[in-house]
C-alpha atoms as a PDB file:
ATOM      1  CA  MET A   1      -2.988-149.358 -36.090  1.00  0.00           C
ATOM      2  CA  PRO A   2      -4.985-151.549 -38.401  1.00  0.00           C
ATOM      3  CA  CYS A   3      -3.413-152.368 -41.787  1.00  0.00           C
ATOM      4  CA  LYS A   4      -2.459-148.876 -42.938  1.00  0.00           C
ATOM      5  CA  ASN A   5       0.551-148.978 -45.307  1.00  0.00           C
ATOM      6  CA  ILE A   6       0.176-152.765 -45.731  1.00  0.00           C
ATOM      7  CA  THR A   7      -1.183-154.430 -48.873  1.00  0.00           C
ATOM      8  CA  ARG A   8      -2.042-158.101 -49.360  1.00  0.00           C
ATOM      9  CA  TYR A   9      -0.640-159.777 -52.494  1.00  0.00           C
ATOM     10  CA  THR A  10      -2.253-162.999 -53.678  1.00  0.00           C
ATOM     11  CA  TYR A  11      -1.780-163.808 -57.307  1.00  0.00           C
ATOM     12  CA  GLU A  12      -2.645-167.155 -58.862  1.00  0.00           C
ATOM     13  CA  THR A  13       0.005-166.704 -61.546  1.00  0.00           C
ATOM     14  CA  THR A  14       2.978-166.047 -59.221  1.00  0.00           C
ATOM     15  CA  ALA A  15       4.640-167.931 -56.418  1.00  0.00           C
ATOM     16  CA  PHE A  16       4.517-164.931 -54.034  1.00  0.00           C
ATOM     17  CA  GLN A  17       1.756-164.816 -51.466  1.00  0.00           C
ATOM     18  CA  GLY A  18       2.148-162.272 -48.706  1.00  0.00           C
ATOM     19  CA  TYR A  19       2.131-158.644 -47.664  1.00  0.00           C
ATOM     20  CA  ARG A  20       3.898-155.508 -48.824  1.00  0.00           C
ATOM     21  CA  LEU A  21       4.742-152.728 -46.403  1.00  0.00           C
ATOM     22  CA  ALA A  22       5.200-149.329 -48.097  1.00  0.00           C
ATOM     23  CA  ILE A  23       5.971-146.076 -46.279  1.00  0.00           C
ATOM     24  CA  CYS A  24       6.744-142.770 -47.961  1.00  0.00           C
ATOM     25  CA  LYS A  25       8.311-140.026 -45.853  1.00  0.00           C
ATOM     26  CA  ASN A  26      10.193-136.899 -47.022  1.00  0.00           C
ATOM     27  CA  LYS A  27      10.230-138.169 -50.615  1.00  0.00           C
ATOM     28  CA  ARG A  28      11.865-141.436 -49.509  1.00  0.00           C
ATOM     29  CA  LEU A  29      10.085-144.725 -50.150  1.00  0.00           C
ATOM     30  CA  PHE A  30      10.526-147.792 -47.982  1.00  0.00           C
ATOM     31  CA  THR A  31       9.147-151.075 -49.321  1.00  0.00           C
ATOM     32  CA  ARG A  32       9.478-154.526 -47.807  1.00  0.00           C
ATOM     33  CA  TYR A  33       7.729-157.791 -48.594  1.00  0.00           C
ATOM     34  CA  PHE A  34       6.602-160.374 -46.035  1.00  0.00           C
ATOM     35  CA  SER A  35       6.034-163.776 -47.598  1.00  0.00           C
ATOM     36  CA  ASP A  36       3.508-166.216 -46.119  1.00  0.00           C
ATOM     37  CA  SER A  37       5.942-169.080 -46.680  1.00  0.00           C
ATOM     38  CA  GLN A  38       8.832-167.248 -44.985  1.00  0.00           C
ATOM     39  CA  TYR A  39       6.823-166.427 -41.851  1.00  0.00           C
ATOM     40  CA  GLY A  40       4.768-169.616 -41.625  1.00  0.00           C
ATOM     41  CA  GLY A  41       1.416-168.353 -42.862  1.00  0.00           C
ATOM     42  CA  ALA A  42      -0.619-165.294 -43.749  1.00  0.00           C
ATOM     43  CA  GLU A  43      -1.368-164.274 -40.164  1.00  0.00           C
ATOM     44  CA  ALA A  44       2.288-164.467 -39.074  1.00  0.00           C
ATOM     45  CA  ALA A  45       3.413-162.496 -42.147  1.00  0.00           C
ATOM     46  CA  LEU A  46       0.824-159.803 -41.395  1.00  0.00           C
ATOM     47  CA  GLN A  47       1.870-159.626 -37.738  1.00  0.00           C
ATOM     48  CA  GLU A  48       5.538-159.179 -38.731  1.00  0.00           C
ATOM     49  CA  ALA A  49       4.650-156.488 -41.289  1.00  0.00           C
ATOM     50  CA  MET A  50       2.640-154.617 -38.640  1.00  0.00           C
ATOM     51  CA  ARG A  51       5.470-154.986 -36.087  1.00  0.00           C
ATOM     52  CA  VAL A  52       8.049-153.556 -38.505  1.00  0.00           C
ATOM     53  CA  ARG A  53       5.676-150.744 -39.537  1.00  0.00           C
ATOM     54  CA  ASP A  54       4.982-149.798 -35.913  1.00  0.00           C
ATOM     55  CA  ASN A  55       8.705-149.826 -35.062  1.00  0.00           C
ATOM     56  CA  ILE A  56       9.507-147.611 -38.043  1.00  0.00           C
ATOM     57  CA  PHE A  57       6.826-145.075 -37.083  1.00  0.00           C
ATOM     58  CA  LYS A  58       8.021-145.104 -33.467  1.00  0.00           C
ATOM     59  CA  LEU A  59      11.617-144.359 -34.529  1.00  0.00           C
ATOM     60  CA  LEU A  60      10.452-141.616 -36.910  1.00  0.00           C
ATOM     61  CA  GLU A  61       8.409-139.995 -34.117  1.00  0.00           C
ATOM     62  CA  GLN A  62      11.396-140.004 -31.748  1.00  0.00           C
ATOM     63  CA  GLY A  63      13.333-137.881 -34.249  1.00  0.00           C
ATOM     64  CA  ASN A  64      16.786-139.160 -33.218  1.00  0.00           C
ATOM     65  CA  LEU A  65      17.491-140.678 -36.653  1.00  0.00           C
ATOM     66  CA  THR A  66      17.013-139.424 -40.189  1.00  0.00           C
ATOM     67  CA  VAL A  67      14.378-141.024 -42.393  1.00  0.00           C
ATOM     68  CA  SER A  68      17.134-142.769 -44.369  1.00  0.00           C
ATOM     69  CA  GLN A  69      18.688-144.172 -41.192  1.00  0.00           C
ATOM     70  CA  VAL A  70      15.355-145.504 -39.946  1.00  0.00           C
ATOM     71  CA  PHE A  71      14.551-147.139 -43.284  1.00  0.00           C
ATOM     72  CA  ALA A  72      18.050-148.630 -43.465  1.00  0.00           C
ATOM     73  CA  LYS A  73      17.547-150.368 -40.104  1.00  0.00           C
ATOM     74  CA  TYR A  74      14.684-152.378 -41.568  1.00  0.00           C
ATOM     75  CA  THR A  75      15.926-152.920 -45.112  1.00  0.00           C
ATOM     76  CA  VAL A  76      16.672-156.544 -45.907  1.00  0.00           C
ATOM     77  CA  ARG A  77      20.172-156.790 -47.319  1.00  0.00           C
ATOM     78  CA  SER A  78      21.050-159.140 -50.118  1.00  0.00           C
ATOM     79  CA  ARG A  79      23.868-161.627 -49.726  1.00  0.00           C
ATOM     80  CA  HIS A  80      26.087-159.385 -51.820  1.00  0.00           C
ATOM     81  CA  GLN A  81      27.743-156.550 -49.997  1.00  0.00           C
ATOM     82  CA  SER A  82      26.783-153.149 -51.378  1.00  0.00           C
ATOM     83  CA  ALA A  83      29.264-150.371 -52.086  1.00  0.00           C
ATOM     84  CA  ALA A  84      27.733-148.339 -49.240  1.00  0.00           C
ATOM     85  CA  ASP A  85      28.307-151.238 -46.816  1.00  0.00           C
ATOM     86  CA  ARG A  86      31.948-151.477 -47.907  1.00  0.00           C
ATOM     87  CA  ARG A  87      32.476-147.714 -47.440  1.00  0.00           C
ATOM     88  CA  GLU A  88      30.892-147.846 -43.990  1.00  0.00           C
ATOM     89  CA  LYS A  89      33.095-150.746 -42.888  1.00  0.00           C
ATOM     90  CA  MET A  90      36.190-149.023 -44.213  1.00  0.00           C
ATOM     91  CA  ALA A  91      35.247-145.845 -42.335  1.00  0.00           C
ATOM     92  CA  HIS A  92      35.132-147.890 -39.138  1.00  0.00           C
ATOM     93  CA  GLY A  93      38.531-149.424 -39.767  1.00  0.00           C
ATOM     94  CA  LYS A  94      37.366-152.746 -41.181  1.00  0.00           C
ATOM     95  CA  ARG A  95      38.879-153.539 -44.556  1.00  0.00           C
ATOM     96  CA  THR A  96      36.947-155.357 -47.206  1.00  0.00           C
ATOM     97  CA  SER A  97      38.106-156.233 -50.667  1.00  0.00           C
ATOM     98  CA  LEU A  98      36.271-155.004 -53.710  1.00  0.00           C
ATOM     99  CA  PRO A  99      35.137-157.484 -56.344  1.00  0.00           C
ATOM    100  CA  SER A 100      37.591-157.581 -59.258  1.00  0.00           C
ATOM    101  CA  LYS A 101      35.201-155.631 -61.518  1.00  0.00           C
ATOM    102  CA  GLN A 102      35.125-152.710 -59.074  1.00  0.00           C
ATOM    103  CA  LYS A 103      38.824-152.467 -58.169  1.00  0.00           C
ATOM    104  CA  ALA A 104      40.228-149.049 -58.852  1.00  0.00           C
ATOM    105  CA  LYS A 105      42.846-148.737 -61.547  1.00  0.00           C
ATOM    106  CA  VAL A 106      46.212-147.785 -60.130  1.00  0.00           C
ATOM    107  CA  ARG A 107      48.594-145.796 -62.312  1.00  0.00           C
ATOM    108  CA  SER A 108      52.307-146.514 -62.050  1.00  0.00           C
END
């Protein structure tokens, strides 16, 4: 595949230079950015964006996973643990503590 679903971003007024991968499937949108500086140049960033895109399409074609599951495999997580990550870990028997703001109120 050439560069379908991949857009080049080069703005003089921002620090970001790189590519954006965007795939819409079953009303779900997957977006991921590939920075030139993170991948060591424009060509390497493009190659990584194409690799991720091709892997996503391959998994979608196989049909073993839902669209959400496929997109989740390639979503870059922030350093902060999301509520969904905490629920998943708890479901698998791994306990994690909630930040103090999110602790449930316990009635005596």
